[in-house]
């Protein structure tokens, strides 16, 4: 049985690579990308939905088997720490809370170039941290 993947943050450096992998995977017959603006990338499996992550709870529900969150930015792009926090922390949290899609799996993707230690709370209370020299794909 083929599945539906849902990805948020598909236009960024990490998300665009995940999107290409999902579209090329034989495990998914449909990939829904939630983005703030149109993508240049196209694929026969891809369905693009323009959403407002500030008001994600007001978006229509989506149906997906697996959810991938690659929302994030850089300080250079955000320009202010408040905007950085909003995109890197608030958006992913609101996205995870706002989902009512029946997904069996939620995957949070982080940049491979994160300069600070990042603490992740994993299912069943397990914790994982990584430093800038370790890669993390969750």
N, C-alpha and C. Protein backbone atom coordinates (compact mmCIF):
# COMPACT_ATOMS: atom_id res chain seq x y z
N UNK A 1 0.83 -1.18 0.00
CA UNK A 1 0.00 0.00 0.00
C UNK A 1 0.88 1.25 0.00
N UNK A 2 0.63 2.13 -0.92
CA UNK A 2 1.40 3.37 -0.99
C UNK A 2 0.80 4.40 -0.05
N UNK A 3 1.65 5.35 0.37
CA UNK A 3 1.26 6.29 1.41
C UNK A 3 1.30 7.73 0.90
N UNK A 4 0.78 8.61 1.76
CA UNK A 4 0.81 10.06 1.51
C UNK A 4 1.78 10.69 2.50
N UNK A 5 2.69 11.52 1.98
CA UNK A 5 3.63 12.27 2.82
C UNK A 5 3.22 13.73 2.83
N UNK A 6 3.36 14.36 3.97
CA UNK A 6 3.08 15.78 4.13
C UNK A 6 4.36 16.44 4.62
N UNK A 7 4.79 17.51 3.94
CA UNK A 7 6.02 18.20 4.35
C UNK A 7 5.76 19.69 4.47
N UNK A 8 6.25 20.27 5.55
CA UNK A 8 6.22 21.72 5.75
C UNK A 8 7.65 22.22 5.71
N UNK A 9 7.88 23.30 4.99
CA UNK A 9 9.23 23.84 4.86
C UNK A 9 9.97 23.29 3.66
N UNK A 10 9.24 22.95 2.62
CA UNK A 10 9.82 22.30 1.44
C UNK A 10 10.63 23.23 0.55
N UNK A 11 10.62 24.54 0.83
CA UNK A 11 11.37 25.46 -0.04
C UNK A 11 12.77 25.76 0.49
N UNK A 12 13.08 25.33 1.70
CA UNK A 12 14.39 25.60 2.29
C UNK A 12 15.44 24.60 1.85
N UNK A 13 16.65 24.80 2.33
CA UNK A 13 17.78 23.95 1.95
C UNK A 13 17.56 22.50 2.35
N UNK A 14 17.14 22.27 3.57
CA UNK A 14 16.91 20.90 4.05
C UNK A 14 15.61 20.35 3.48
N UNK A 15 14.55 21.14 3.56
CA UNK A 15 13.24 20.69 3.10
C UNK A 15 13.18 20.37 1.62
N UNK A 16 13.89 21.12 0.79
CA UNK A 16 13.87 20.85 -0.65
C UNK A 16 14.51 19.51 -0.98
N UNK A 17 15.52 19.12 -0.21
CA UNK A 17 16.15 17.81 -0.42
C UNK A 17 15.23 16.69 0.04
N UNK A 18 14.57 16.89 1.16
CA UNK A 18 13.61 15.90 1.64
C UNK A 18 12.48 15.75 0.62
N UNK A 19 11.99 16.87 0.10
CA UNK A 19 10.91 16.86 -0.88
C UNK A 19 11.29 16.03 -2.11
N UNK A 20 12.48 16.23 -2.63
CA UNK A 20 12.93 15.46 -3.80
C UNK A 20 13.00 13.98 -3.49
N UNK A 21 13.49 13.64 -2.30
CA UNK A 21 13.57 12.23 -1.90
C UNK A 21 12.17 11.62 -1.78
N UNK A 22 11.24 12.36 -1.18
CA UNK A 22 9.88 11.86 -1.02
C UNK A 22 9.21 11.63 -2.38
N UNK A 23 9.37 12.58 -3.29
CA UNK A 23 8.77 12.44 -4.62
C UNK A 23 9.38 11.28 -5.40
N UNK A 24 10.64 11.00 -5.16
CA UNK A 24 11.31 9.90 -5.86
C UNK A 24 11.12 8.55 -5.20
N UNK A 25 10.50 8.54 -4.02
CA UNK A 25 10.34 7.29 -3.27
C UNK A 25 9.17 6.47 -3.81
N UNK A 26 9.38 5.19 -3.89
CA UNK A 26 8.32 4.28 -4.31
C UNK A 26 7.30 4.06 -3.19
N UNK A 27 7.59 4.49 -1.97
CA UNK A 27 6.71 4.29 -0.84
C UNK A 27 5.55 5.29 -0.79
N UNK A 28 5.66 6.37 -1.54
CA UNK A 28 4.62 7.41 -1.52
C UNK A 28 4.02 7.59 -2.91
N UNK A 29 2.69 7.62 -2.94
CA UNK A 29 2.04 7.91 -4.22
C UNK A 29 1.60 9.36 -4.30
N UNK A 30 1.68 10.07 -3.17
CA UNK A 30 1.33 11.49 -3.14
C UNK A 30 2.18 12.19 -2.10
N UNK A 31 2.64 13.39 -2.44
CA UNK A 31 3.42 14.22 -1.52
C UNK A 31 2.76 15.59 -1.49
N UNK A 32 2.34 16.03 -0.32
CA UNK A 32 1.72 17.33 -0.15
C UNK A 32 2.73 18.25 0.52
N UNK A 33 3.06 19.35 -0.15
CA UNK A 33 4.02 20.32 0.39
C UNK A 33 3.27 21.56 0.86
N UNK A 34 3.41 21.88 2.13
CA UNK A 34 2.82 23.10 2.69
C UNK A 34 3.89 24.17 2.67
N UNK A 35 3.65 25.22 1.91
CA UNK A 35 4.66 26.27 1.72
C UNK A 35 4.01 27.65 1.79
N UNK A 36 4.83 28.67 1.94
CA UNK A 36 4.32 30.05 1.97
C UNK A 36 4.22 30.65 0.58
N UNK A 37 4.94 30.07 -0.40
CA UNK A 37 4.91 30.57 -1.78
C UNK A 37 5.14 29.41 -2.73
N UNK A 38 4.83 29.60 -3.99
CA UNK A 38 4.98 28.54 -4.99
C UNK A 38 6.41 28.02 -5.05
N UNK A 39 6.54 26.75 -5.39
CA UNK A 39 7.85 26.13 -5.55
C UNK A 39 8.24 26.09 -7.02
N UNK A 40 9.54 26.13 -7.29
CA UNK A 40 10.03 25.94 -8.65
C UNK A 40 10.02 24.46 -9.01
N UNK A 41 10.22 23.60 -8.03
CA UNK A 41 10.26 22.15 -8.24
C UNK A 41 8.85 21.63 -8.53
N UNK A 42 8.74 20.76 -9.51
CA UNK A 42 7.46 20.11 -9.82
C UNK A 42 7.68 18.61 -9.95
N UNK A 43 6.63 17.87 -9.71
CA UNK A 43 6.68 16.40 -9.85
C UNK A 43 5.24 15.91 -9.94
N UNK A 44 5.05 14.81 -10.63
CA UNK A 44 3.69 14.28 -10.81
C UNK A 44 3.03 13.88 -9.50
N UNK A 45 3.79 13.50 -8.49
CA UNK A 45 3.25 13.12 -7.17
C UNK A 45 2.97 14.32 -6.28
N UNK A 46 3.51 15.48 -6.65
CA UNK A 46 3.52 16.64 -5.76
C UNK A 46 2.24 17.48 -5.86
N UNK A 47 1.69 17.79 -4.69
CA UNK A 47 0.57 18.73 -4.57
C UNK A 47 1.04 19.84 -3.64
N UNK A 48 1.04 21.07 -4.12
CA UNK A 48 1.52 22.21 -3.35
C UNK A 48 0.33 22.97 -2.77
N UNK A 49 0.39 23.24 -1.47
CA UNK A 49 -0.64 24.01 -0.79
C UNK A 49 0.02 25.24 -0.16
N UNK A 50 -0.45 26.42 -0.54
CA UNK A 50 0.05 27.66 0.05
C UNK A 50 -0.68 27.86 1.38
N UNK A 51 0.10 28.01 2.47
CA UNK A 51 -0.50 28.18 3.80
C UNK A 51 0.14 29.36 4.51
N UNK A 52 -0.55 29.83 5.51
CA UNK A 52 -0.04 30.89 6.38
C UNK A 52 0.33 30.23 7.70
N UNK A 53 1.60 30.09 7.97
CA UNK A 53 2.03 29.42 9.20
C UNK A 53 1.76 30.26 10.44
N UNK A 54 1.47 31.57 10.28
CA UNK A 54 1.08 32.38 11.43
C UNK A 54 -0.29 31.95 11.96
N UNK A 55 -1.16 31.49 11.06
CA UNK A 55 -2.51 31.07 11.42
C UNK A 55 -2.75 29.63 10.98
N UNK A 56 -1.80 28.76 11.26
CA UNK A 56 -1.90 27.39 10.76
C UNK A 56 -3.12 26.66 11.30
N UNK A 57 -3.53 26.99 12.52
CA UNK A 57 -4.68 26.31 13.11
C UNK A 57 -5.96 26.56 12.31
N UNK A 58 -5.97 27.62 11.49
CA UNK A 58 -7.14 27.94 10.69
C UNK A 58 -7.14 27.24 9.33
N UNK A 59 -6.06 26.52 9.02
CA UNK A 59 -5.98 25.81 7.75
C UNK A 59 -6.86 24.56 7.78
N UNK A 60 -7.25 24.13 6.59
CA UNK A 60 -8.07 22.92 6.51
C UNK A 60 -7.24 21.71 6.91
N UNK A 61 -7.87 20.67 7.45
CA UNK A 61 -7.11 19.48 7.85
C UNK A 61 -6.54 18.75 6.63
N UNK A 62 -5.43 18.11 6.84
CA UNK A 62 -4.76 17.35 5.79
C UNK A 62 -4.73 15.89 6.21
N UNK A 63 -4.74 15.01 5.23
CA UNK A 63 -4.64 13.57 5.48
C UNK A 63 -3.26 13.12 5.03
N UNK A 64 -2.52 12.46 5.92
CA UNK A 64 -1.18 11.98 5.58
C UNK A 64 -0.80 10.81 6.48
N UNK A 65 0.05 9.95 5.94
CA UNK A 65 0.58 8.84 6.72
C UNK A 65 1.83 9.26 7.49
N UNK A 66 2.69 10.01 6.83
CA UNK A 66 3.95 10.46 7.41
C UNK A 66 4.07 11.97 7.23
N UNK A 67 4.53 12.65 8.29
CA UNK A 67 4.66 14.11 8.28
C UNK A 67 6.12 14.47 8.50
N UNK A 68 6.61 15.39 7.68
CA UNK A 68 7.99 15.87 7.78
C UNK A 68 7.96 17.37 8.00
N UNK A 69 8.64 17.83 9.05
CA UNK A 69 8.71 19.25 9.35
C UNK A 69 10.14 19.74 9.15
N UNK A 70 10.32 20.59 8.16
CA UNK A 70 11.64 21.17 7.87
C UNK A 70 11.56 22.69 7.95
N UNK A 71 10.67 23.18 8.79
CA UNK A 71 10.53 24.63 8.95
C UNK A 71 11.74 25.17 9.70
N UNK A 72 12.26 26.28 9.23
CA UNK A 72 13.39 26.90 9.89
C UNK A 72 13.96 28.02 9.05
N UNK A 73 14.86 28.76 9.63
CA UNK A 73 15.49 29.88 8.93
C UNK A 73 16.90 30.07 9.49
N UNK A 74 17.54 31.13 9.06
CA UNK A 74 18.84 31.51 9.59
C UNK A 74 18.71 32.90 10.20
N UNK A 75 19.62 33.26 11.08
CA UNK A 75 19.60 34.62 11.64
C UNK A 75 19.79 35.65 10.54
N UNK A 76 20.61 35.31 9.55
CA UNK A 76 20.84 36.23 8.44
C UNK A 76 19.54 36.53 7.70
N UNK A 77 18.76 35.50 7.42
CA UNK A 77 17.50 35.70 6.71
C UNK A 77 16.43 36.33 7.60
N UNK A 78 16.39 35.93 8.87
CA UNK A 78 15.37 36.44 9.79
C UNK A 78 15.63 37.89 10.21
N UNK A 79 16.90 38.24 10.33
CA UNK A 79 17.34 39.59 10.70
C UNK A 79 17.14 39.95 12.18
N UNK A 80 16.14 39.39 12.84
CA UNK A 80 15.90 39.67 14.26
C UNK A 80 15.66 38.36 15.00
N UNK A 81 16.09 38.31 16.26
CA UNK A 81 15.95 37.06 16.99
C UNK A 81 14.48 36.69 17.22
N UNK A 82 13.59 37.67 17.28
CA UNK A 82 12.17 37.37 17.45
C UNK A 82 11.62 36.63 16.23
N UNK A 83 12.01 37.09 15.04
CA UNK A 83 11.57 36.44 13.79
C UNK A 83 12.20 35.06 13.67
N UNK A 84 13.47 34.95 14.05
CA UNK A 84 14.16 33.67 14.02
C UNK A 84 13.43 32.67 14.92
N UNK A 85 13.11 33.08 16.14
CA UNK A 85 12.41 32.22 17.09
C UNK A 85 11.05 31.80 16.54
N UNK A 86 10.36 32.75 15.95
CA UNK A 86 9.03 32.47 15.39
C UNK A 86 9.09 31.37 14.34
N UNK A 87 10.04 31.46 13.42
CA UNK A 87 10.14 30.49 12.32
C UNK A 87 10.76 29.17 12.79
N UNK A 88 11.77 29.23 13.65
CA UNK A 88 12.47 28.01 14.07
C UNK A 88 11.78 27.26 15.21
N UNK A 89 11.01 27.95 16.03
CA UNK A 89 10.41 27.31 17.19
C UNK A 89 8.88 27.34 17.13
N UNK A 90 8.31 28.53 17.01
CA UNK A 90 6.86 28.67 17.06
C UNK A 90 6.17 27.96 15.89
N UNK A 91 6.64 28.16 14.68
CA UNK A 91 6.01 27.52 13.52
C UNK A 91 6.01 25.99 13.63
N UNK A 92 7.16 25.35 13.91
CA UNK A 92 7.12 23.89 14.03
C UNK A 92 6.20 23.39 15.15
N UNK A 93 6.18 24.09 16.27
CA UNK A 93 5.30 23.68 17.38
C UNK A 93 3.84 23.81 16.95
N UNK A 94 3.48 24.96 16.37
CA UNK A 94 2.10 25.16 15.93
C UNK A 94 1.72 24.16 14.84
N UNK A 95 2.67 23.85 13.98
CA UNK A 95 2.43 22.86 12.92
C UNK A 95 2.12 21.50 13.54
N UNK A 96 2.94 21.07 14.49
CA UNK A 96 2.73 19.76 15.12
C UNK A 96 1.42 19.72 15.90
N UNK A 97 1.11 20.77 16.62
CA UNK A 97 -0.11 20.82 17.41
C UNK A 97 -1.34 20.90 16.50
N UNK A 98 -1.23 21.65 15.41
CA UNK A 98 -2.37 21.87 14.52
C UNK A 98 -2.71 20.72 13.61
N UNK A 99 -1.84 19.74 13.54
CA UNK A 99 -2.10 18.60 12.65
C UNK A 99 -3.15 17.68 13.22
N UNK A 100 -4.10 17.36 12.40
CA UNK A 100 -5.09 16.35 12.73
C UNK A 100 -5.26 15.49 11.50
N UNK A 101 -4.16 14.90 11.06
CA UNK A 101 -4.16 14.20 9.78
C UNK A 101 -4.08 12.69 9.92
N UNK A 102 -4.05 12.17 11.13
CA UNK A 102 -3.97 10.74 11.33
C UNK A 102 -2.61 10.15 11.03
N UNK A 103 -1.58 10.97 11.02
CA UNK A 103 -0.23 10.49 10.69
C UNK A 103 0.28 9.51 11.74
N UNK A 104 1.02 8.55 11.27
CA UNK A 104 1.64 7.56 12.15
C UNK A 104 3.03 8.00 12.59
N UNK A 105 3.60 8.96 11.83
CA UNK A 105 4.98 9.37 12.11
C UNK A 105 5.13 10.87 11.88
N UNK A 106 5.83 11.54 12.79
CA UNK A 106 6.16 12.96 12.65
C UNK A 106 7.68 13.06 12.72
N UNK A 107 8.29 13.56 11.67
CA UNK A 107 9.74 13.67 11.59
C UNK A 107 10.15 15.13 11.58
N UNK A 108 11.02 15.52 12.49
CA UNK A 108 11.52 16.88 12.57
C UNK A 108 12.92 16.90 11.99
N UNK A 109 13.13 17.68 10.95
CA UNK A 109 14.44 17.77 10.30
C UNK A 109 15.15 19.03 10.77
N UNK A 110 16.41 18.87 11.13
CA UNK A 110 17.22 20.00 11.58
C UNK A 110 18.36 20.22 10.61
N UNK A 111 18.85 21.42 10.57
CA UNK A 111 20.00 21.73 9.74
C UNK A 111 21.22 20.97 10.21
N UNK A 112 22.06 20.60 9.27
CA UNK A 112 23.32 19.92 9.60
C UNK A 112 24.37 20.90 10.09
N UNK A 113 24.10 22.19 9.98
CA UNK A 113 25.09 23.20 10.36
C UNK A 113 24.69 23.97 11.61
N UNK A 114 23.90 23.37 12.44
CA UNK A 114 23.47 24.04 13.67
C UNK A 114 24.69 24.30 14.55
N UNK A 115 24.88 25.53 15.00
CA UNK A 115 26.08 25.89 15.75
C UNK A 115 25.94 25.71 17.26
N UNK A 116 24.73 25.59 17.74
CA UNK A 116 24.54 25.43 19.17
C UNK A 116 24.09 24.01 19.45
N UNK A 117 24.21 23.62 20.71
CA UNK A 117 23.65 22.33 21.08
C UNK A 117 22.13 22.43 20.98
N UNK A 118 21.52 21.40 20.45
CA UNK A 118 20.08 21.35 20.31
C UNK A 118 19.58 20.19 21.14
N UNK A 119 18.61 20.42 21.97
CA UNK A 119 18.04 19.34 22.77
C UNK A 119 16.69 18.97 22.17
N UNK A 120 16.53 17.69 21.93
CA UNK A 120 15.30 17.19 21.34
C UNK A 120 14.61 16.27 22.33
N UNK A 121 13.31 16.40 22.44
CA UNK A 121 12.55 15.49 23.28
C UNK A 121 11.93 14.48 22.34
N UNK A 122 12.31 13.25 22.51
CA UNK A 122 11.87 12.17 21.64
C UNK A 122 10.77 11.37 22.32
N UNK A 123 10.05 10.54 21.55
CA UNK A 123 8.99 9.72 22.15
C UNK A 123 9.50 8.92 23.35
N UNK A 124 8.60 8.70 24.29
CA UNK A 124 8.87 7.92 25.50
C UNK A 124 9.91 8.61 26.38
N UNK A 125 10.05 9.93 26.27
CA UNK A 125 10.92 10.67 27.15
C UNK A 125 12.41 10.55 26.87
N UNK A 126 12.79 9.86 25.80
CA UNK A 126 14.22 9.76 25.49
C UNK A 126 14.70 11.12 25.00
N UNK A 127 15.91 11.46 25.34
CA UNK A 127 16.48 12.74 24.93
C UNK A 127 17.73 12.50 24.10
N UNK A 128 17.94 13.42 23.18
CA UNK A 128 19.13 13.35 22.34
C UNK A 128 19.65 14.76 22.16
N UNK A 129 20.94 14.93 22.22
CA UNK A 129 21.51 16.24 21.93
C UNK A 129 22.63 16.04 20.94
N UNK A 130 22.92 17.10 20.22
CA UNK A 130 24.01 17.00 19.26
C UNK A 130 24.76 18.32 19.24
N UNK A 131 26.00 18.28 18.87
CA UNK A 131 26.78 19.49 18.73
C UNK A 131 27.00 19.76 17.25
N UNK A 132 27.64 20.87 16.95
CA UNK A 132 27.77 21.30 15.56
C UNK A 132 28.51 20.32 14.65
N UNK A 133 29.28 19.42 15.22
CA UNK A 133 30.04 18.50 14.38
C UNK A 133 29.33 17.18 14.14
N UNK A 134 28.12 17.02 14.65
CA UNK A 134 27.36 15.79 14.44
C UNK A 134 26.15 16.09 13.57
N UNK A 135 25.81 15.17 12.70
CA UNK A 135 24.63 15.33 11.86
C UNK A 135 23.44 14.65 12.53
N UNK A 136 22.26 15.24 12.36
CA UNK A 136 21.05 14.63 12.93
C UNK A 136 19.95 14.64 11.89
N UNK A 137 19.46 13.49 11.58
CA UNK A 137 18.27 13.34 10.76
C UNK A 137 17.30 12.52 11.58
N UNK A 138 16.21 13.10 11.91
CA UNK A 138 15.25 12.43 12.78
C UNK A 138 14.08 11.96 11.95
